[in-house]
Amino acid sequence: MNNTRIFKTSFASVYPHYVVKAEKKGRSKAELHEIIFWLTGYNEKSLQKIIDNKTDFETFFAKAPQINPNVSKITGVICGYRVEEIEDKLMQQIRYLDKLVDELAKGKAMDKILRK
């Protein structure tokens, strides 16, 4: 998987798609934020700053306050790749987020999405 263009893509340009995907399936923006906060350690204020500054994905994950220690429990296929087998750490983190958003949109319970 060699798609490093996504690394320099701003989180703010993809974020609205996450919101639409969740809301189209009856989930809330608050639930989406809960997932992002769980994965990265950001909070409402720091996430808004990321969006306002058009921070790229590489910086978004590099400066994340704390990647959740339970990310290894996120498994499955996203975009044709098993997330647990992706070797590039940054690409894996991006795909973890994609996988969690997919699970939210598919109606999975928040406790299961957050690996509780």
PDB file of N, CA and C in Angstrom:
ATOM      1  N   MET A   1       0.856  -1.168   0.000  1.00  0.00           N
ATOM      2  CA  MET A   1       0.000   0.000   0.000  1.00  0.00           C
ATOM      3  C   MET A   1       0.903   1.231   0.000  1.00  0.00           C
ATOM      4  N   ASN A   2       0.993   1.886  -1.142  1.00  0.00           N
ATOM      5  CA  ASN A   2       1.850   3.061  -1.231  1.00  0.00           C
ATOM      6  C   ASN A   2       1.021   4.255  -1.670  1.00  0.00           C
ATOM      7  N   ASN A   3       0.297   4.813  -0.737  1.00  0.00           N
ATOM      8  CA  ASN A   3      -0.558   5.944  -1.036  1.00  0.00           C
ATOM      9  C   ASN A   3      -0.237   7.072  -0.068  1.00  0.00           C
ATOM     10  N   THR A   4       0.993   7.583  -0.177  1.00  0.00           N
ATOM     11  CA  THR A   4       1.444   8.588   0.788  1.00  0.00           C
ATOM     12  C   THR A   4       0.819   9.962   0.562  1.00  0.00           C
ATOM     13  N   ARG A   5       0.080  10.144  -0.528  1.00  0.00           N
ATOM     14  CA  ARG A   5      -0.594  11.420  -0.758  1.00  0.00           C
ATOM     15  C   ARG A   5      -1.554  11.741   0.389  1.00  0.00           C
ATOM     16  N   ILE A   6      -2.180  10.712   0.935  1.00  0.00           N
ATOM     17  CA  ILE A   6      -3.126  10.909   2.049  1.00  0.00           C
ATOM     18  C   ILE A   6      -2.413  11.512   3.264  1.00  0.00           C
ATOM     19  N   PHE A   7      -1.113  11.250   3.421  1.00  0.00           N
ATOM     20  CA  PHE A   7      -0.374  11.768   4.575  1.00  0.00           C
ATOM     21  C   PHE A   7      -0.382  13.292   4.596  1.00  0.00           C
ATOM     22  N   LYS A   8      -0.342  13.905   3.426  1.00  0.00           N
ATOM     23  CA  LYS A   8      -0.290  15.376   3.326  1.00  0.00           C
ATOM     24  C   LYS A   8      -1.677  15.996   3.113  1.00  0.00           C
ATOM     25  N   THR A   9      -2.697  15.151   3.047  1.00  0.00           N
ATOM     26  CA  THR A   9      -4.063  15.643   2.921  1.00  0.00           C
ATOM     27  C   THR A   9      -4.500  16.205   4.264  1.00  0.00           C
ATOM     28  N   SER A  10      -5.184  17.336   4.250  1.00  0.00           N
ATOM     29  CA  SER A  10      -5.606  17.925   5.520  1.00  0.00           C
ATOM     30  C   SER A  10      -6.753  17.109   6.117  1.00  0.00           C
ATOM     31  N   PHE A  11      -6.681  16.940   7.422  1.00  0.00           N
ATOM     32  CA  PHE A  11      -7.745  16.253   8.147  1.00  0.00           C
ATOM     33  C   PHE A  11      -9.065  16.981   7.914  1.00  0.00           C
ATOM     34  N   ALA A  12      -9.012  18.316   7.860  1.00  0.00           N
ATOM     35  CA  ALA A  12     -10.219  19.138   7.676  1.00  0.00           C
ATOM     36  C   ALA A  12     -10.925  18.831   6.359  1.00  0.00           C
ATOM     37  N   SER A  13     -10.183  18.399   5.340  1.00  0.00           N
ATOM     38  CA  SER A  13     -10.816  18.108   4.053  1.00  0.00           C
ATOM     39  C   SER A  13     -11.548  16.763   4.063  1.00  0.00           C
ATOM     40  N   VAL A  14     -11.164  15.871   4.950  1.00  0.00           N
ATOM     41  CA  VAL A  14     -11.791  14.544   5.031  1.00  0.00           C
ATOM     42  C   VAL A  14     -12.863  14.509   6.127  1.00  0.00           C
ATOM     43  N   TYR A  15     -12.665  15.286   7.169  1.00  0.00           N
ATOM     44  CA  TYR A  15     -13.573  15.312   8.316  1.00  0.00           C
ATOM     45  C   TYR A  15     -15.053  15.461   7.929  1.00  0.00           C
ATOM     46  N   PRO A  16     -15.414  16.395   7.020  1.00  0.00           N
ATOM     47  CA  PRO A  16     -16.839  16.511   6.665  1.00  0.00           C
ATOM     48  C   PRO A  16     -17.417  15.217   6.073  1.00  0.00           C
ATOM     49  N   HIS A  17     -16.581  14.443   5.400  1.00  0.00           N
ATOM     50  CA  HIS A  17     -17.035  13.164   4.837  1.00  0.00           C
ATOM     51  C   HIS A  17     -17.327  12.157   5.952  1.00  0.00           C
ATOM     52  N   TYR A  18     -16.510  12.191   7.003  1.00  0.00           N
ATOM     53  CA  TYR A  18     -16.764  11.342   8.169  1.00  0.00           C
ATOM     54  C   TYR A  18     -18.108  11.716   8.796  1.00  0.00           C
ATOM     55  N   VAL A  19     -18.346  13.019   8.938  1.00  0.00           N
ATOM     56  CA  VAL A  19     -19.589  13.502   9.545  1.00  0.00           C
ATOM     57  C   VAL A  19     -20.797  13.061   8.710  1.00  0.00           C
ATOM     58  N   VAL A  20     -20.730  13.274   7.407  1.00  0.00           N
ATOM     59  CA  VAL A  20     -21.829  12.895   6.511  1.00  0.00           C
ATOM     60  C   VAL A  20     -22.076  11.394   6.574  1.00  0.00           C
ATOM     61  N   LYS A  21     -21.007  10.616   6.541  1.00  0.00           N
ATOM     62  CA  LYS A  21     -21.145   9.154   6.580  1.00  0.00           C
ATOM     63  C   LYS A  21     -21.865   8.715   7.852  1.00  0.00           C
ATOM     64  N   ALA A  22     -21.490   9.297   8.977  1.00  0.00           N
ATOM     65  CA  ALA A  22     -22.106   8.942  10.255  1.00  0.00           C
ATOM     66  C   ALA A  22     -23.565   9.394  10.299  1.00  0.00           C
ATOM     67  N   GLU A  23     -23.801  10.659   9.953  1.00  0.00           N
ATOM     68  CA  GLU A  23     -25.154  11.216  10.065  1.00  0.00           C
ATOM     69  C   GLU A  23     -26.126  10.587   9.066  1.00  0.00           C
ATOM     70  N   LYS A  24     -25.617  10.211   7.906  1.00  0.00           N
ATOM     71  CA  LYS A  24     -26.465   9.568   6.895  1.00  0.00           C
ATOM     72  C   LYS A  24     -27.021   8.238   7.423  1.00  0.00           C
ATOM     73  N   LYS A  25     -26.301   7.641   8.334  1.00  0.00           N
ATOM     74  CA  LYS A  25     -26.716   6.358   8.912  1.00  0.00           C
ATOM     75  C   LYS A  25     -27.347   6.520  10.289  1.00  0.00           C
ATOM     76  N   GLY A  26     -27.719   7.774  10.622  1.00  0.00           N
ATOM     77  CA  GLY A  26     -28.426   8.009  11.878  1.00  0.00           C
ATOM     78  C   GLY A  26     -27.545   8.121  13.104  1.00  0.00           C
ATOM     79  N   ARG A  27     -26.250   8.274  12.902  1.00  0.00           N
ATOM     80  CA  ARG A  27     -25.346   8.451  14.038  1.00  0.00           C
ATOM     81  C   ARG A  27     -25.025   9.930  14.177  1.00  0.00           C
ATOM     82  N   SER A  28     -24.508  10.317  15.323  1.00  0.00           N
ATOM     83  CA  SER A  28     -24.300  11.739  15.590  1.00  0.00           C
ATOM     84  C   SER A  28     -22.837  12.158  15.434  1.00  0.00           C
ATOM     85  N   LYS A  29     -22.681  13.464  15.265  1.00  0.00           N
ATOM     86  CA  LYS A  29     -21.351  14.057  15.219  1.00  0.00           C
ATOM     87  C   LYS A  29     -20.657  13.841  16.567  1.00  0.00           C
ATOM     88  N   ALA A  30     -21.425  13.867  17.647  1.00  0.00           N
ATOM     89  CA  ALA A  30     -20.865  13.637  18.987  1.00  0.00           C
ATOM     90  C   ALA A  30     -20.272  12.227  19.089  1.00  0.00           C
ATOM     91  N   GLU A  31     -20.942  11.250  18.491  1.00  0.00           N
ATOM     92  CA  GLU A  31     -20.407   9.875  18.503  1.00  0.00           C
ATOM     93  C   GLU A  31     -19.122   9.802  17.683  1.00  0.00           C
ATOM     94  N   LEU A  32     -19.105  10.493  16.543  1.00  0.00           N
ATOM     95  CA  LEU A  32     -17.898  10.544  15.722  1.00  0.00           C
ATOM     96  C   LEU A  32     -16.750  11.151  16.519  1.00  0.00           C
ATOM     97  N   HIS A  33     -17.032  12.250  17.219  1.00  0.00           N
ATOM     98  CA  HIS A  33     -15.999  12.888  18.029  1.00  0.00           C
ATOM     99  C   HIS A  33     -15.514  11.955  19.134  1.00  0.00           C
ATOM    100  N   GLU A  34     -16.415  11.231  19.735  1.00  0.00           N
ATOM    101  CA  GLU A  34     -16.026  10.283  20.789  1.00  0.00           C
ATOM    102  C   GLU A  34     -15.023   9.266  20.244  1.00  0.00           C
ATOM    103  N   ILE A  35     -15.252   8.801  19.029  1.00  0.00           N
ATOM    104  CA  ILE A  35     -14.340   7.848  18.386  1.00  0.00           C
ATOM    105  C   ILE A  35     -12.973   8.497  18.145  1.00  0.00           C
ATOM    106  N   ILE A  36     -12.995   9.702  17.589  1.00  0.00           N
ATOM    107  CA  ILE A  36     -11.733  10.405  17.312  1.00  0.00           C
ATOM    108  C   ILE A  36     -10.971  10.652  18.607  1.00  0.00           C
ATOM    109  N   PHE A  37     -11.670  11.085  19.653  1.00  0.00           N
ATOM    110  CA  PHE A  37     -11.030  11.350  20.942  1.00  0.00           C
ATOM    111  C   PHE A  37     -10.457  10.060  21.535  1.00  0.00           C
ATOM    112  N   TRP A  38     -11.213   8.963  21.430  1.00  0.00           N
ATOM    113  CA  TRP A  38     -10.755   7.671  21.955  1.00  0.00           C
ATOM    114  C   TRP A  38      -9.474   7.236  21.248  1.00  0.00           C
ATOM    115  N   LEU A  39      -9.455   7.365  19.930  1.00  0.00           N
ATOM    116  CA  LEU A  39      -8.312   6.906  19.140  1.00  0.00           C
ATOM    117  C   LEU A  39      -7.072   7.768  19.363  1.00  0.00           C
ATOM    118  N   THR A  40      -7.253   9.095  19.450  1.00  0.00           N
ATOM    119  CA  THR A  40      -6.111  10.006  19.407  1.00  0.00           C
ATOM    120  C   THR A  40      -5.788  10.735  20.704  1.00  0.00           C
ATOM    121  N   GLY A  41      -6.744  10.838  21.602  1.00  0.00           N
ATOM    122  CA  GLY A  41      -6.531  11.611  22.818  1.00  0.00           C
ATOM    123  C   GLY A  41      -6.847  13.090  22.662  1.00  0.00           C
ATOM    124  N   TYR A  42      -7.243  13.506  21.454  1.00  0.00           N
ATOM    125  CA  TYR A  42      -7.650  14.909  21.275  1.00  0.00           C
ATOM    126  C   TYR A  42      -8.939  15.160  22.052  1.00  0.00           C
ATOM    127  N   ASN A  43      -9.264  16.435  22.260  1.00  0.00           N
ATOM    128  CA  ASN A  43     -10.537  16.814  22.856  1.00  0.00           C
ATOM    129  C   ASN A  43     -11.232  17.790  21.898  1.00  0.00           C
ATOM    130  N   GLU A  44     -12.372  18.294  22.297  1.00  0.00           N
ATOM    131  CA  GLU A  44     -13.159  19.166  21.402  1.00  0.00           C
ATOM    132  C   GLU A  44     -12.355  20.388  20.953  1.00  0.00           C
ATOM    133  N   LYS A  45     -11.687  21.027  21.892  1.00  0.00           N
ATOM    134  CA  LYS A  45     -10.928  22.240  21.572  1.00  0.00           C
ATOM    135  C   LYS A  45      -9.750  21.935  20.644  1.00  0.00           C
ATOM    136  N   SER A  46      -8.993  20.901  20.954  1.00  0.00           N
ATOM    137  CA  SER A  46      -7.820  20.576  20.127  1.00  0.00           C
ATOM    138  C   SER A  46      -8.232  20.058  18.748  1.00  0.00           C
ATOM    139  N   LEU A  47      -9.346  19.335  18.670  1.00  0.00           N
ATOM    140  CA  LEU A  47      -9.837  18.864  17.369  1.00  0.00           C
ATOM    141  C   LEU A  47     -10.248  20.051  16.503  1.00  0.00           C
ATOM    142  N   GLN A  48     -10.926  21.023  17.100  1.00  0.00           N
ATOM    143  CA  GLN A  48     -11.337  22.205  16.335  1.00  0.00           C
ATOM    144  C   GLN A  48     -10.121  22.965  15.817  1.00  0.00           C
ATOM    145  N   LYS A  49      -9.067  23.008  16.622  1.00  0.00           N
ATOM    146  CA  LYS A  49      -7.831  23.680  16.196  1.00  0.00           C
ATOM    147  C   LYS A  49      -7.215  22.944  14.999  1.00  0.00           C
ATOM    148  N   ILE A  50      -7.234  21.620  15.044  1.00  0.00           N
ATOM    149  CA  ILE A  50      -6.721  20.790  13.926  1.00  0.00           C
ATOM    150  C   ILE A  50      -7.492  21.133  12.650  1.00  0.00           C
ATOM    151  N   ILE A  51      -8.806  21.208  12.773  1.00  0.00           N
ATOM    152  CA  ILE A  51      -9.672  21.502  11.624  1.00  0.00           C
ATOM    153  C   ILE A  51      -9.411  22.925  11.123  1.00  0.00           C
ATOM    154  N   ASP A  52      -9.379  23.893  12.028  1.00  0.00           N
ATOM    155  CA  ASP A  52      -9.173  25.297  11.656  1.00  0.00           C
ATOM    156  C   ASP A  52      -7.819  25.521  10.974  1.00  0.00           C
ATOM    157  N   ASN A  53      -6.799  24.816  11.445  1.00  0.00           N
ATOM    158  CA  ASN A  53      -5.448  24.977  10.900  1.00  0.00           C
ATOM    159  C   ASN A  53      -5.196  24.130   9.655  1.00  0.00           C
ATOM    160  N   LYS A  54      -6.203  23.332   9.271  1.00  0.00           N
ATOM    161  CA  LYS A  54      -6.067  22.441   8.108  1.00  0.00           C
ATOM    162  C   LYS A  54      -4.823  21.544   8.230  1.00  0.00           C
ATOM    163  N   THR A  55      -4.652  21.003   9.413  1.00  0.00           N
ATOM    164  CA  THR A  55      -3.533  20.119   9.723  1.00  0.00           C
ATOM    165  C   THR A  55      -3.617  18.850   8.889  1.00  0.00           C
ATOM    166  N   ASP A  56      -2.475  18.418   8.352  1.00  0.00           N
ATOM    167  CA  ASP A  56      -2.479  17.194   7.543  1.00  0.00           C
ATOM    168  C   ASP A  56      -2.516  15.949   8.441  1.00  0.00           C
ATOM    169  N   PHE A  57      -2.839  14.803   7.814  1.00  0.00           N
ATOM    170  CA  PHE A  57      -2.965  13.559   8.581  1.00  0.00           C
ATOM    171  C   PHE A  57      -1.660  13.179   9.274  1.00  0.00           C
ATOM    172  N   GLU A  58      -0.538  13.429   8.619  1.00  0.00           N
ATOM    173  CA  GLU A  58       0.748  13.082   9.209  1.00  0.00           C
ATOM    174  C   GLU A  58       0.941  13.821  10.532  1.00  0.00           C
ATOM    175  N   THR A  59       0.666  15.109  10.541  1.00  0.00           N
ATOM    176  CA  THR A  59       0.794  15.912  11.760  1.00  0.00           C
ATOM    177  C   THR A  59      -0.312  15.574  12.750  1.00  0.00           C
ATOM    178  N   PHE A  60      -1.527  15.333  12.236  1.00  0.00           N
ATOM    179  CA  PHE A  60      -2.662  14.974  13.081  1.00  0.00           C
ATOM    180  C   PHE A  60      -2.304  13.789  13.984  1.00  0.00           C
ATOM    181  N   PHE A  61      -1.720  12.744  13.399  1.00  0.00           N
ATOM    182  CA  PHE A  61      -1.368  11.572  14.205  1.00  0.00           C
ATOM    183  C   PHE A  61      -0.051  11.761  14.964  1.00  0.00           C
ATOM    184  N   ALA A  62       0.914  12.463  14.370  1.00  0.00           N
ATOM    185  CA  ALA A  62       2.203  12.677  15.042  1.00  0.00           C
ATOM    186  C   ALA A  62       2.031  13.485  16.331  1.00  0.00           C
ATOM    187  N   LYS A  63       1.098  14.434  16.326  1.00  0.00           N
ATOM    188  CA  LYS A  63       0.886  15.301  17.495  1.00  0.00           C
ATOM    189  C   LYS A  63      -0.293  14.862  18.355  1.00  0.00           C
ATOM    190  N   ALA A  64      -0.864  13.714  18.052  1.00  0.00           N
ATOM    191  CA  ALA A  64      -1.980  13.213  18.862  1.00  0.00           C
ATOM    192  C   ALA A  64      -1.501  13.061  20.304  1.00  0.00           C
ATOM    193  N   PRO A  65      -2.291  13.567  21.246  1.00  0.00           N
ATOM    194  CA  PRO A  65      -1.880  13.488  22.649  1.00  0.00           C
ATOM    195  C   PRO A  65      -1.559  12.060  23.103  1.00  0.00           C
ATOM    196  N   GLN A  66      -2.384  11.096  22.676  1.00  0.00           N
ATOM    197  CA  GLN A  66      -2.122   9.702  23.052  1.00  0.00           C
ATOM    198  C   GLN A  66      -2.930   8.773  22.156  1.00  0.00           C
ATOM    199  N   ILE A  67      -2.219   7.986  21.354  1.00  0.00           N
ATOM    200  CA  ILE A  67      -2.905   6.956  20.576  1.00  0.00           C
ATOM    201  C   ILE A  67      -3.362   5.892  21.578  1.00  0.00           C
ATOM    202  N   ASN A  68      -4.623   5.525  21.491  1.00  0.00           N
ATOM    203  CA  ASN A  68      -5.192   4.588  22.461  1.00  0.00           C
ATOM    204  C   ASN A  68      -4.408   3.278  22.484  1.00  0.00           C
ATOM    205  N   PRO A  69      -4.076   2.780  23.664  1.00  0.00           N
ATOM    206  CA  PRO A  69      -3.311   1.528  23.753  1.00  0.00           C
ATOM    207  C   PRO A  69      -4.083   0.308  23.234  1.00  0.00           C
ATOM    208  N   ASN A  70      -5.400   0.438  23.071  1.00  0.00           N
ATOM    209  CA  ASN A  70      -6.198  -0.693  22.587  1.00  0.00           C
ATOM    210  C   ASN A  70      -6.367  -0.723  21.065  1.00  0.00           C
ATOM    211  N   VAL A  71      -5.581   0.070  20.335  1.00  0.00           N
ATOM    212  CA  VAL A  71      -5.742   0.078  18.872  1.00  0.00           C
ATOM    213  C   VAL A  71      -5.460  -1.287  18.259  1.00  0.00           C
ATOM    214  N   SER A  72      -4.646  -2.080  18.925  1.00  0.00           N
ATOM    215  CA  SER A  72      -4.346  -3.408  18.381  1.00  0.00           C
ATOM    216  C   SER A  72      -5.585  -4.304  18.344  1.00  0.00           C
ATOM    217  N   LYS A  73      -6.628  -3.916  19.061  1.00  0.00           N
ATOM    218  CA  LYS A  73      -7.880  -4.677  19.045  1.00  0.00           C
ATOM    219  C   LYS A  73      -8.741  -4.341  17.827  1.00  0.00           C
ATOM    220  N   ILE A  74      -8.338  -3.318  17.066  1.00  0.00           N
ATOM    221  CA  ILE A  74      -9.063  -2.964  15.838  1.00  0.00           C
ATOM    222  C   ILE A  74      -8.561  -3.884  14.740  1.00  0.00           C
ATOM    223  N   THR A  75      -9.457  -4.722  14.251  1.00  0.00           N
ATOM    224  CA  THR A  75      -9.091  -5.677  13.208  1.00  0.00           C
ATOM    225  C   THR A  75     -10.139  -5.646  12.105  1.00  0.00           C
ATOM    226  N   GLY A  76      -9.798  -6.247  10.993  1.00  0.00           N
ATOM    227  CA  GLY A  76     -10.739  -6.328   9.891  1.00  0.00           C
ATOM    228  C   GLY A  76     -10.192  -5.695   8.635  1.00  0.00           C
ATOM    229  N   VAL A  77     -11.034  -5.657   7.611  1.00  0.00           N
ATOM    230  CA  VAL A  77     -10.618  -5.182   6.306  1.00  0.00           C
ATOM    231  C   VAL A  77     -11.179  -3.787   6.047  1.00  0.00           C
ATOM    232  N   ILE A  78     -10.319  -2.924   5.547  1.00  0.00           N
ATOM    233  CA  ILE A  78     -10.728  -1.592   5.115  1.00  0.00           C
ATOM    234  C   ILE A  78      -9.969  -1.295   3.827  1.00  0.00           C
ATOM    235  N   CYS A  79     -10.695  -0.878   2.815  1.00  0.00           N
ATOM    236  CA  CYS A  79     -10.103  -0.573   1.505  1.00  0.00           C
ATOM    237  C   CYS A  79      -9.297  -1.756   0.960  1.00  0.00           C
ATOM    238  N   GLY A  80      -9.748  -2.954   1.258  1.00  0.00           N
ATOM    239  CA  GLY A  80      -9.101  -4.156   0.736  1.00  0.00           C
ATOM    240  C   GLY A  80      -7.882  -4.619   1.510  1.00  0.00           C
ATOM    241  N   TYR A  81      -7.561  -3.977   2.595  1.00  0.00           N
ATOM    242  CA  TYR A  81      -6.396  -4.355   3.401  1.00  0.00           C
ATOM    243  C   TYR A  81      -6.827  -4.681   4.821  1.00  0.00           C
ATOM    244  N   ARG A  82      -6.185  -5.683   5.410  1.00  0.00           N
ATOM    245  CA  ARG A  82      -6.420  -6.000   6.815  1.00  0.00           C
ATOM    246  C   ARG A  82      -5.665  -4.949   7.639  1.00  0.00           C
ATOM    247  N   VAL A  83      -6.383  -4.204   8.470  1.00  0.00           N
ATOM    248  CA  VAL A  83      -5.746  -3.108   9.211  1.00  0.00           C
ATOM    249  C   VAL A  83      -4.616  -3.589  10.115  1.00  0.00           C
ATOM    250  N   GLU A  84      -4.767  -4.772  10.653  1.00  0.00           N
ATOM    251  CA  GLU A  84      -3.739  -5.278  11.569  1.00  0.00           C
ATOM    252  C   GLU A  84      -2.457  -5.690  10.838  1.00  0.00           C
ATOM    253  N   GLU A  85      -2.495  -5.785   9.503  1.00  0.00           N
ATOM    254  CA  GLU A  85      -1.321  -6.200   8.729  1.00  0.00           C
ATOM    255  C   GLU A  85      -0.642  -5.046   7.992  1.00  0.00           C
ATOM    256  N   ILE A  86      -1.177  -3.852   8.099  1.00  0.00           N
ATOM    257  CA  ILE A  86      -0.584  -2.697   7.411  1.00  0.00           C
ATOM    258  C   ILE A  86       0.728  -2.358   8.108  1.00  0.00           C
ATOM    259  N   GLU A  87       1.825  -2.344   7.340  1.00  0.00           N
ATOM    260  CA  GLU A  87       3.152  -2.160   7.927  1.00  0.00           C
ATOM    261  C   GLU A  87       3.485  -0.701   8.225  1.00  0.00           C
ATOM    262  N   ASP A  88       3.058   0.217   7.382  1.00  0.00           N
ATOM    263  CA  ASP A  88       3.347   1.631   7.610  1.00  0.00           C
ATOM    264  C   ASP A  88       2.480   2.120   8.770  1.00  0.00           C
ATOM    265  N   LYS A  89       3.119   2.577   9.837  1.00  0.00           N
ATOM    266  CA  LYS A  89       2.398   2.951  11.057  1.00  0.00           C
ATOM    267  C   LYS A  89       1.376   4.062  10.815  1.00  0.00           C
ATOM    268  N   LEU A  90       1.767   5.092  10.066  1.00  0.00           N
ATOM    269  CA  LEU A  90       0.858   6.205   9.809  1.00  0.00           C
ATOM    270  C   LEU A  90      -0.337   5.748   8.983  1.00  0.00           C
ATOM    271  N   MET A  91      -0.088   4.971   7.946  1.00  0.00           N
ATOM    272  CA  MET A  91      -1.192   4.462   7.123  1.00  0.00           C
ATOM    273  C   MET A  91      -2.110   3.593   7.976  1.00  0.00           C
ATOM    274  N   GLN A  92      -1.533   2.805   8.861  1.00  0.00           N
ATOM    275  CA  GLN A  92      -2.334   1.961   9.743  1.00  0.00           C
ATOM    276  C   GLN A  92      -3.223   2.818  10.650  1.00  0.00           C
ATOM    277  N   GLN A  93      -2.686   3.905  11.182  1.00  0.00           N
ATOM    278  CA  GLN A  93      -3.477   4.782  12.045  1.00  0.00           C
ATOM    279  C   GLN A  93      -4.627   5.431  11.273  1.00  0.00           C
ATOM    280  N   ILE A  94      -4.354   5.844  10.046  1.00  0.00           N
ATOM    281  CA  ILE A  94      -5.399   6.435   9.206  1.00  0.00           C
ATOM    282  C   ILE A  94      -6.486   5.399   8.953  1.00  0.00           C
ATOM    283  N   ARG A  95      -6.089   4.187   8.657  1.00  0.00           N
ATOM    284  CA  ARG A  95      -7.056   3.117   8.381  1.00  0.00           C
ATOM    285  C   ARG A  95      -7.802   2.691   9.645  1.00  0.00           C
ATOM    286  N   TYR A  96      -7.154   2.788  10.812  1.00  0.00           N
ATOM    287  CA  TYR A  96      -7.876   2.542  12.064  1.00  0.00           C
ATOM    288  C   TYR A  96      -9.045   3.511  12.172  1.00  0.00           C
ATOM    289  N   LEU A  97      -8.779   4.779  11.903  1.00  0.00           N
ATOM    290  CA  LEU A  97      -9.839   5.785  11.968  1.00  0.00           C
ATOM    291  C   LEU A  97     -10.935   5.470  10.960  1.00  0.00           C
ATOM    292  N   ASP A  98     -10.544   5.124   9.731  1.00  0.00           N
ATOM    293  CA  ASP A  98     -11.529   4.755   8.700  1.00  0.00           C
ATOM    294  C   ASP A  98     -12.386   3.579   9.170  1.00  0.00           C
ATOM    295  N   LYS A  99     -11.749   2.590   9.754  1.00  0.00           N
ATOM    296  CA  LYS A  99     -12.450   1.385  10.221  1.00  0.00           C
ATOM    297  C   LYS A  99     -13.454   1.743  11.316  1.00  0.00           C
ATOM    298  N   LEU A 100     -13.050   2.586  12.254  1.00  0.00           N
ATOM    299  CA  LEU A 100     -13.947   2.981  13.345  1.00  0.00           C
ATOM    300  C   LEU A 100     -15.147   3.767  12.808  1.00  0.00           C
ATOM    301  N   VAL A 101     -14.900   4.654  11.846  1.00  0.00           N
ATOM    302  CA  VAL A 101     -15.994   5.420  11.247  1.00  0.00           C
ATOM    303  C   VAL A 101     -16.940   4.483  10.500  1.00  0.00           C
ATOM    304  N   ASP A 102     -16.390   3.499   9.806  1.00  0.00           N
ATOM    305  CA  ASP A 102     -17.222   2.500   9.117  1.00  0.00           C
ATOM    306  C   ASP A 102     -18.098   1.745  10.115  1.00  0.00           C
ATOM    307  N   GLU A 103     -17.503   1.333  11.221  1.00  0.00           N
ATOM    308  CA  GLU A 103     -18.258   0.602  12.239  1.00  0.00           C
ATOM    309  C   GLU A 103     -19.385   1.462  12.800  1.00  0.00           C
ATOM    310  N   LEU A 104     -19.117   2.739  13.005  1.00  0.00           N
ATOM    311  CA  LEU A 104     -20.143   3.666  13.485  1.00  0.00           C
ATOM    312  C   LEU A 104     -21.283   3.738  12.471  1.00  0.00           C
ATOM    313  N   ALA A 105     -20.936   3.911  11.210  1.00  0.00           N
ATOM    314  CA  ALA A 105     -21.945   4.034  10.154  1.00  0.00           C
ATOM    315  C   ALA A 105     -22.748   2.739   9.966  1.00  0.00           C
ATOM    316  N   LYS A 106     -22.130   1.616  10.306  1.00  0.00           N
ATOM    317  CA  LYS A 106     -22.832   0.328  10.159  1.00  0.00           C
ATOM    318  C   LYS A 106     -23.721   0.019  11.357  1.00  0.00           C
ATOM    319  N   GLY A 107     -23.756   0.936  12.336  1.00  0.00           N
ATOM    320  CA  GLY A 107     -24.664   0.768  13.460  1.00  0.00           C
ATOM    321  C   GLY A 107     -24.118  -0.029  14.624  1.00  0.00           C
ATOM    322  N   LYS A 108     -22.834  -0.290  14.622  1.00  0.00           N
ATOM    323  CA  LYS A 108     -22.225  -1.031  15.726  1.00  0.00           C
ATOM    324  C   LYS A 108     -22.345  -0.218  17.019  1.00  0.00           C
ATOM    325  N   ALA A 109     -22.536  -0.902  18.134  1.00  0.00           N
ATOM    326  CA  ALA A 109     -22.653  -0.244  19.441  1.00  0.00           C
ATOM    327  C   ALA A 109     -21.341   0.452  19.806  1.00  0.00           C
ATOM    328  N   MET A 110     -21.451   1.613  20.444  1.00  0.00           N
ATOM    329  CA  MET A 110     -20.262   2.390  20.817  1.00  0.00           C
ATOM    330  C   MET A 110     -19.304   1.589  21.703  1.00  0.00           C
ATOM    331  N   ASP A 111     -19.829   0.792  22.636  1.00  0.00           N
ATOM    332  CA  ASP A 111     -18.953  -0.024  23.491  1.00  0.00           C
ATOM    333  C   ASP A 111     -18.096  -0.960  22.661  1.00  0.00           C
ATOM    334  N   LYS A 112     -18.652  -1.515  21.610  1.00  0.00           N
ATOM    335  CA  LYS A 112     -17.893  -2.428  20.744  1.00  0.00           C
ATOM    336  C   LYS A 112     -16.894  -1.653  19.887  1.00  0.00           C
ATOM    337  N   ILE A 113     -17.310  -0.491  19.362  1.00  0.00           N
ATOM    338  CA  ILE A 113     -16.405   0.330  18.549  1.00  0.00           C
ATOM    339  C   ILE A 113     -15.204   0.766  19.375  1.00  0.00           C
ATOM    340  N   LEU A 114     -15.445   1.135  20.632  1.00  0.00           N
ATOM    341  CA  LEU A 114     -14.380   1.608  21.501  1.00  0.00           C
ATOM    342  C   LEU A 114     -13.667   0.485  22.232  1.00  0.00           C
ATOM    343  N   ARG A 115     -13.929  -0.730  21.800  1.00  0.00           N
ATOM    344  CA  ARG A 115     -13.243  -1.926  22.303  1.00  0.00           C
ATOM    345  C   ARG A 115     -13.270  -2.018  23.822  1.00  0.00           C
ATOM    346  N   LYS A 116     -14.476  -1.822  24.402  1.00  0.00           N
ATOM    347  CA  LYS A 116     -14.618  -1.908  25.859  1.00  0.00           C
ATOM    348  C   LYS A 116     -14.927  -3.324  26.290  1.00  0.00           C
TER     349      LYS A 116
END
